[in-house]
Amino acid sequence: MPEKNLRAIRAALVIRQDREAFDAGLKAVLDEVRVSLDLGALNDFVHRWWISACDTVKDPGGRRQMHVRAEQILTGEPVPQGRPWREILAARGVEL
């Protein structure tokens, strides 16, 4: 797993869409911190992106597929139905 710092997180984001979103989000959160002087927003940003970076390290192919599906949905293309989320989470041992 990547360390929980901006440099390590960005390095772990090997999917173009993730890296672009990270860069844009970092600029926005730093602008927010400059105005508010509250580092809480930056800490939240780091935590959220660390989770995405961990996901990428574990399953980069799954992360790529997520972006492909998101693009299909945004452009109105038909999206094949996969397994229900509850089934996927249950297979991973997550109880709802």
C-alpha atoms as a PDB file:
ATOM      1  CA  MET A   1       0.000   0.000   0.000  1.00  0.00           C
ATOM      2  CA  PRO A   2       1.218   3.518  -0.669  1.00  0.00           C
ATOM      3  CA  GLU A   3       2.243   5.759   2.172  1.00  0.00           C
ATOM      4  CA  LYS A   4      -0.389   8.270   3.202  1.00  0.00           C
ATOM      5  CA  ASN A   5       1.216  11.376   1.715  1.00  0.00           C
ATOM      6  CA  LEU A   6       0.570  13.368  -1.440  1.00  0.00           C
ATOM      7  CA  ARG A   7       3.693  12.254  -3.331  1.00  0.00           C
ATOM      8  CA  ALA A   8       3.157   8.535  -2.674  1.00  0.00           C
ATOM      9  CA  ILE A   9      -0.546   8.732  -3.422  1.00  0.00           C
ATOM     10  CA  ARG A  10       0.019  10.521  -6.736  1.00  0.00           C
ATOM     11  CA  ALA A  11       2.709   8.013  -7.728  1.00  0.00           C
ATOM     12  CA  ALA A  12       0.291   5.131  -7.074  1.00  0.00           C
ATOM     13  CA  LEU A  13      -2.387   6.659  -9.300  1.00  0.00           C
ATOM     14  CA  VAL A  14      -1.378   5.007 -12.579  1.00  0.00           C
ATOM     15  CA  ILE A  15      -4.753   5.495 -14.278  1.00  0.00           C
ATOM     16  CA  ARG A  16      -4.826   8.731 -16.283  1.00  0.00           C
ATOM     17  CA  GLN A  17      -8.311   9.745 -15.164  1.00  0.00           C
ATOM     18  CA  ASP A  18      -7.406   9.305 -11.497  1.00  0.00           C
ATOM     19  CA  ARG A  19      -4.203  11.300 -11.809  1.00  0.00           C
ATOM     20  CA  GLU A  20      -5.983  14.134 -13.635  1.00  0.00           C
ATOM     21  CA  ALA A  21      -8.760  14.223 -11.017  1.00  0.00           C
ATOM     22  CA  PHE A  22      -6.183  14.135  -8.218  1.00  0.00           C
ATOM     23  CA  ASP A  23      -4.240  17.066  -9.701  1.00  0.00           C
ATOM     24  CA  ALA A  24      -7.386  19.148 -10.227  1.00  0.00           C
ATOM     25  CA  GLY A  25      -8.707  18.275  -6.767  1.00  0.00           C
ATOM     26  CA  LEU A  26      -5.391  19.094  -5.103  1.00  0.00           C
ATOM     27  CA  LYS A  27      -5.333  22.533  -6.706  1.00  0.00           C
ATOM     28  CA  ALA A  28      -8.901  23.174  -5.552  1.00  0.00           C
ATOM     29  CA  VAL A  29      -8.315  21.974  -1.989  1.00  0.00           C
ATOM     30  CA  LEU A  30      -5.110  24.003  -1.655  1.00  0.00           C
ATOM     31  CA  ASP A  31      -6.995  27.096  -2.829  1.00  0.00           C
ATOM     32  CA  GLU A  32      -9.662  26.335  -0.220  1.00  0.00           C
ATOM     33  CA  VAL A  33      -7.046  25.907   2.526  1.00  0.00           C
ATOM     34  CA  ARG A  34      -5.385  29.218   1.603  1.00  0.00           C
ATOM     35  CA  VAL A  35      -8.702  30.997   2.154  1.00  0.00           C
ATOM     36  CA  SER A  36     -10.031  29.082   5.148  1.00  0.00           C
ATOM     37  CA  LEU A  37      -6.697  28.327   6.859  1.00  0.00           C
ATOM     38  CA  ASP A  38      -8.287  25.004   7.838  1.00  0.00           C
ATOM     39  CA  LEU A  39      -6.183  21.928   7.084  1.00  0.00           C
ATOM     40  CA  GLY A  40      -9.142  19.629   7.665  1.00  0.00           C
ATOM     41  CA  ALA A  41     -10.096  19.829   3.995  1.00  0.00           C
ATOM     42  CA  LEU A  42      -6.572  18.784   2.987  1.00  0.00           C
ATOM     43  CA  ASN A  43      -6.579  15.907   5.464  1.00  0.00           C
ATOM     44  CA  ASP A  44      -9.919  14.705   4.057  1.00  0.00           C
ATOM     45  CA  PHE A  45      -8.560  14.987   0.504  1.00  0.00           C
ATOM     46  CA  VAL A  46      -5.466  12.955   1.378  1.00  0.00           C
ATOM     47  CA  HIS A  47      -7.549  10.267   3.066  1.00  0.00           C
ATOM     48  CA  ARG A  48     -10.037   9.925   0.186  1.00  0.00           C
ATOM     49  CA  TRP A  49      -7.282   9.731  -2.431  1.00  0.00           C
ATOM     50  CA  TRP A  50      -5.228   7.321  -0.327  1.00  0.00           C
ATOM     51  CA  ILE A  51      -8.193   4.930  -0.433  1.00  0.00           C
ATOM     52  CA  SER A  52      -8.326   5.270  -4.243  1.00  0.00           C
ATOM     53  CA  ALA A  53      -4.564   4.751  -4.473  1.00  0.00           C
ATOM     54  CA  CYS A  54      -4.827   1.579  -2.366  1.00  0.00           C
ATOM     55  CA  ASP A  55      -7.617   0.364  -4.654  1.00  0.00           C
ATOM     56  CA  THR A  56      -5.427   1.030  -7.690  1.00  0.00           C
ATOM     57  CA  VAL A  57      -2.496  -0.867  -6.205  1.00  0.00           C
ATOM     58  CA  LYS A  58      -4.732  -3.854  -5.398  1.00  0.00           C
ATOM     59  CA  ASP A  59      -6.620  -3.940  -8.697  1.00  0.00           C
ATOM     60  CA  PRO A  60      -5.483  -1.540 -11.447  1.00  0.00           C
ATOM     61  CA  GLY A  61      -7.517  -3.445 -14.047  1.00  0.00           C
ATOM     62  CA  GLY A  62     -10.660  -3.085 -11.972  1.00  0.00           C
ATOM     63  CA  ARG A  63      -9.972   0.616 -11.567  1.00  0.00           C
ATOM     64  CA  ARG A  64      -9.572   1.009 -15.357  1.00  0.00           C
ATOM     65  CA  GLN A  65     -12.822  -0.898 -15.905  1.00  0.00           C
ATOM     66  CA  MET A  66     -14.576   1.435 -13.460  1.00  0.00           C
ATOM     67  CA  HIS A  67     -13.543   4.422 -15.577  1.00  0.00           C
ATOM     68  CA  VAL A  68     -14.626   2.691 -18.794  1.00  0.00           C
ATOM     69  CA  ARG A  69     -18.062   2.026 -17.314  1.00  0.00           C
ATOM     70  CA  ALA A  70     -18.359   5.560 -15.973  1.00  0.00           C
ATOM     71  CA  GLU A  71     -17.576   6.929 -19.437  1.00  0.00           C
ATOM     72  CA  GLN A  72     -20.168   4.616 -20.991  1.00  0.00           C
ATOM     73  CA  ILE A  73     -22.790   5.838 -18.540  1.00  0.00           C
ATOM     74  CA  LEU A  74     -21.896   9.506 -19.107  1.00  0.00           C
ATOM     75  CA  THR A  75     -22.133   9.135 -22.871  1.00  0.00           C
ATOM     76  CA  GLY A  76     -25.389   7.182 -22.715  1.00  0.00           C
ATOM     77  CA  GLU A  77     -23.938   3.943 -24.056  1.00  0.00           C
ATOM     78  CA  PRO A  78     -25.595   0.741 -22.909  1.00  0.00           C
ATOM     79  CA  VAL A  79     -23.751  -0.746 -19.961  1.00  0.00           C
ATOM     80  CA  PRO A  80     -23.775  -4.488 -19.401  1.00  0.00           C
ATOM     81  CA  GLN A  81     -25.176  -5.444 -16.030  1.00  0.00           C
ATOM     82  CA  GLY A  82     -22.646  -6.940 -13.650  1.00  0.00           C
ATOM     83  CA  ARG A  83     -23.033  -8.627 -10.311  1.00  0.00           C
ATOM     84  CA  PRO A  84     -25.090  -6.761  -7.690  1.00  0.00           C
ATOM     85  CA  TRP A  85     -23.044  -4.714  -5.182  1.00  0.00           C
ATOM     86  CA  ARG A  86     -24.394  -6.722  -2.271  1.00  0.00           C
ATOM     87  CA  GLU A  87     -23.081  -9.922  -3.861  1.00  0.00           C
ATOM     88  CA  ILE A  88     -19.662  -8.400  -4.554  1.00  0.00           C
ATOM     89  CA  LEU A  89     -19.360  -7.025  -1.027  1.00  0.00           C
ATOM     90  CA  ALA A  90     -20.516 -10.321   0.490  1.00  0.00           C
ATOM     91  CA  ALA A  91     -17.808 -12.147  -1.487  1.00  0.00           C
ATOM     92  CA  ARG A  92     -15.287  -9.756   0.060  1.00  0.00           C
ATOM     93  CA  GLY A  93     -16.617 -10.462   3.532  1.00  0.00           C
ATOM     94  CA  VAL A  94     -18.355  -7.106   3.996  1.00  0.00           C
ATOM     95  CA  GLU A  95     -21.616  -7.348   5.905  1.00  0.00           C
ATOM     96  CA  LEU A  96     -24.358  -4.824   5.231  1.00  0.00           C
END
